[in-house]
Amino acid sequence: MGFWGSFVVCRSEIPLDGLQAVVERHDGIDEHEHRPGGWQIGRYPGPELADDGPPLLADLAEETGAPALVGFVLDSDTVFVEGHSAGGGYWRACLVRAAAEAYCEDDEEDFDAEFPFPEAAARAAAAWAREAGLTPDPAGLLEVFAVEEADFAEELFFRLLEKLGV
């Protein structure tokens, strides 16, 4: 059985477990990593954060004054990626597209309309990164969004963070 849970990515001097946007939605952080430039990555087990993506991101971006990103991992098969920034607003994409689509096959939504294809996803991610003051790798982002299979999709999420410049 793979990982089911969320990764929260933000830039803040306040630790993730002290940010109200996260604390009011989840009981506790499982793992916490600091990156250069004040970036933090927190791992949260379970589905709680996945159910509240856009409001969580908007609250987190408002509280930190910086763009925020969340990756929702489903059994290590796929990752639903959502980002928010003041200037760019909300965007979403997925990693390992076929696996993501399989998880959504019972939904009544149009999967292709909800989740952009790799080219559009890479453009949205690069725009988010630039607004966050990062230097993205557009070709690398496209490669990550185009991956068709992954043993552990959360590893692909960390490759995405690398290509974003986090």
Protein backbone atom coordinates (compact mmCIF):
# COMPACT_ATOMS: atom_id res chain seq x y z
CA MET A 1 0.00 0.00 0.00
CA GLY A 2 1.31 3.41 -0.94
CA PHE A 3 1.09 6.82 0.67
CA TRP A 4 -2.26 8.59 0.92
CA GLY A 5 -1.90 12.19 2.00
CA SER A 6 -0.78 15.69 1.17
CA PHE A 7 2.36 17.73 0.79
CA VAL A 8 2.02 21.43 1.61
CA VAL A 9 4.63 23.77 0.11
CA CYS A 10 4.92 27.40 1.18
CA ARG A 11 7.41 30.14 1.98
CA SER A 12 7.09 31.42 5.52
CA GLU A 13 9.17 32.21 8.56
CA ILE A 14 6.41 30.68 10.68
CA PRO A 15 6.70 26.87 10.84
CA LEU A 16 3.95 24.98 9.03
CA ASP A 17 2.58 23.63 12.29
CA GLY A 18 2.05 27.24 13.38
CA LEU A 19 0.19 28.43 10.28
CA GLN A 20 -3.54 28.75 10.99
CA ALA A 21 -4.53 27.81 7.42
CA VAL A 22 -3.07 24.33 7.96
CA VAL A 23 -3.61 23.87 11.71
CA GLU A 24 -7.38 24.42 11.45
CA ARG A 25 -7.62 21.71 8.77
CA HIS A 26 -5.30 18.96 10.04
CA ASP A 27 -4.21 17.48 13.37
CA GLY A 28 -0.50 17.32 12.71
CA ILE A 29 2.43 17.21 10.41
CA ASP A 30 4.09 13.86 9.68
CA GLU A 31 7.38 15.16 8.21
CA HIS A 32 8.77 18.67 7.79
CA GLU A 33 11.55 19.85 5.47
CA HIS A 34 13.12 23.30 5.16
CA ARG A 35 14.49 24.48 1.83
CA PRO A 36 16.56 27.56 0.92
CA GLY A 37 14.73 30.85 0.58
CA GLY A 38 12.36 30.16 3.47
CA TRP A 39 10.48 27.37 1.68
CA GLN A 40 8.93 24.58 3.72
CA ILE A 41 7.44 21.24 2.74
CA GLY A 42 5.16 19.40 5.12
CA ARG A 43 3.79 15.90 4.74
CA TYR A 44 0.32 15.25 6.13
CA PRO A 45 -1.19 11.73 6.13
CA GLY A 46 -4.84 11.17 5.26
CA PRO A 47 -7.45 12.87 3.09
CA GLU A 48 -8.30 15.92 5.24
CA LEU A 49 -6.38 18.51 3.22
CA ALA A 50 -7.40 17.07 -0.17
CA ASP A 51 -11.01 17.91 0.53
CA ASP A 52 -10.32 21.62 0.93
CA GLY A 53 -7.70 22.50 -1.73
CA PRO A 54 -8.68 25.92 -3.13
CA PRO A 55 -9.72 27.49 0.22
CA LEU A 56 -6.65 26.03 1.94
CA LEU A 57 -4.34 27.50 -0.71
CA ALA A 58 -6.03 30.90 -0.70
CA ASP A 59 -5.83 31.07 3.11
CA LEU A 60 -2.22 29.89 3.12
CA ALA A 61 -1.16 32.42 0.45
CA GLU A 62 -2.93 35.20 2.36
CA GLU A 63 -1.41 34.19 5.69
CA THR A 64 2.15 33.85 4.35
CA GLY A 65 2.01 36.60 1.71
CA ALA A 66 3.52 34.16 -0.80
CA PRO A 67 2.31 31.62 -3.38
CA ALA A 68 1.45 28.18 -2.00
CA LEU A 69 1.30 24.71 -3.50
CA VAL A 70 -0.26 21.41 -2.42
CA GLY A 71 0.22 17.91 -3.76
CA PHE A 72 -2.46 15.35 -2.92
CA VAL A 73 -1.02 11.82 -3.26
CA LEU A 74 -3.36 8.91 -3.93
CA ASP A 75 -1.83 5.55 -2.93
CA SER A 76 1.53 6.66 -4.42
CA ASP A 77 -0.08 6.23 -7.88
CA THR A 78 -0.73 9.86 -8.78
CA VAL A 79 -0.54 13.38 -7.39
CA PHE A 80 -3.14 16.09 -7.83
CA VAL A 81 -1.19 19.37 -7.77
CA GLU A 82 -2.88 22.64 -6.87
CA GLY A 83 -1.30 26.06 -6.61
CA HIS A 84 -2.36 29.56 -5.71
CA SER A 85 -0.77 32.98 -5.97
CA ALA A 86 -2.14 36.48 -5.56
CA GLY A 87 -1.46 37.46 -9.17
CA GLY A 88 -2.09 34.16 -10.91
CA GLY A 89 -4.96 32.81 -8.87
CA TYR A 90 -5.72 29.11 -8.58
CA TRP A 91 -4.48 26.37 -10.92
CA ARG A 92 -4.43 22.60 -10.84
CA ALA A 93 -2.79 19.74 -12.69
CA CYS A 94 -1.92 16.10 -12.14
CA LEU A 95 1.13 13.88 -12.24
CA VAL A 96 0.89 10.45 -13.89
CA ARG A 97 -2.16 11.50 -15.88
CA ALA A 98 -3.59 8.05 -16.73
CA ALA A 99 -3.55 7.00 -13.07
CA ALA A 100 -5.19 10.30 -12.07
CA GLU A 101 -7.90 9.79 -14.68
CA ALA A 102 -8.55 6.26 -13.39
CA TYR A 103 -9.19 7.65 -9.89
CA CYS A 104 -11.67 10.14 -11.38
CA GLU A 105 -13.56 7.82 -13.72
CA ASP A 106 -16.64 7.74 -11.47
CA ASP A 107 -16.75 11.53 -11.19
CA GLU A 108 -19.23 13.33 -13.38
CA GLU A 109 -16.72 16.06 -14.24
CA ASP A 110 -14.87 16.34 -17.54
CA PHE A 111 -11.37 15.19 -16.57
CA ASP A 112 -9.66 16.91 -19.53
CA ALA A 113 -11.38 20.19 -18.68
CA GLU A 114 -10.41 19.92 -14.99
CA PHE A 115 -6.80 18.82 -15.47
CA PRO A 116 -4.76 20.40 -18.27
CA PHE A 117 -2.54 18.35 -20.53
CA PRO A 118 1.23 18.44 -19.80
CA GLU A 119 2.01 21.52 -21.92
CA ALA A 120 -0.63 23.71 -20.26
CA ALA A 121 0.20 22.29 -16.82
CA ALA A 122 3.89 23.14 -17.31
CA ARG A 123 3.00 26.71 -18.35
CA ALA A 124 0.78 27.21 -15.28
CA ALA A 125 3.41 25.76 -12.97
CA ALA A 126 6.16 27.94 -14.48
CA ALA A 127 4.00 31.06 -14.08
CA TRP A 128 3.37 30.15 -10.44
CA ALA A 129 7.11 29.67 -9.86
CA ARG A 130 8.02 32.99 -11.46
CA GLU A 131 5.46 34.80 -9.30
CA ALA A 132 7.00 33.06 -6.28
CA GLY A 133 10.38 34.56 -7.24
CA LEU A 134 11.76 31.22 -8.36
CA THR A 135 13.53 30.28 -11.59
CA PRO A 136 11.60 27.38 -13.13
CA ASP A 137 12.90 24.93 -15.73
CA PRO A 138 10.06 24.92 -18.33
CA ALA A 139 11.43 21.94 -20.29
CA GLY A 140 11.93 20.01 -17.05
CA LEU A 141 8.40 20.83 -15.91
CA LEU A 142 7.01 19.50 -19.19
CA GLU A 143 9.00 16.28 -18.73
CA VAL A 144 7.61 15.81 -15.21
CA PHE A 145 3.99 16.41 -16.27
CA ALA A 146 4.45 14.02 -19.23
CA VAL A 147 5.64 11.04 -17.13
CA GLU A 148 3.23 8.18 -17.76
CA GLU A 149 4.24 5.74 -15.01
CA ALA A 150 5.84 6.08 -11.59
CA ASP A 151 6.40 3.56 -8.83
CA PHE A 152 6.06 6.30 -6.23
CA ALA A 153 4.27 9.39 -7.52
CA GLU A 154 5.39 11.39 -4.49
CA GLU A 155 8.97 11.11 -5.81
CA LEU A 156 7.72 12.69 -9.03
CA PHE A 157 6.19 15.50 -6.95
CA PHE A 158 9.63 16.24 -5.50
CA ARG A 159 11.07 16.30 -9.03
CA LEU A 160 8.35 18.84 -9.84
CA LEU A 161 9.46 20.98 -6.89
CA GLU A 162 13.04 20.82 -8.15
CA LYS A 163 11.97 21.94 -11.65
CA LEU A 164 9.92 24.76 -10.09
CA GLY A 165 13.05 25.95 -8.31
CA VAL A 166 11.89 25.19 -4.77
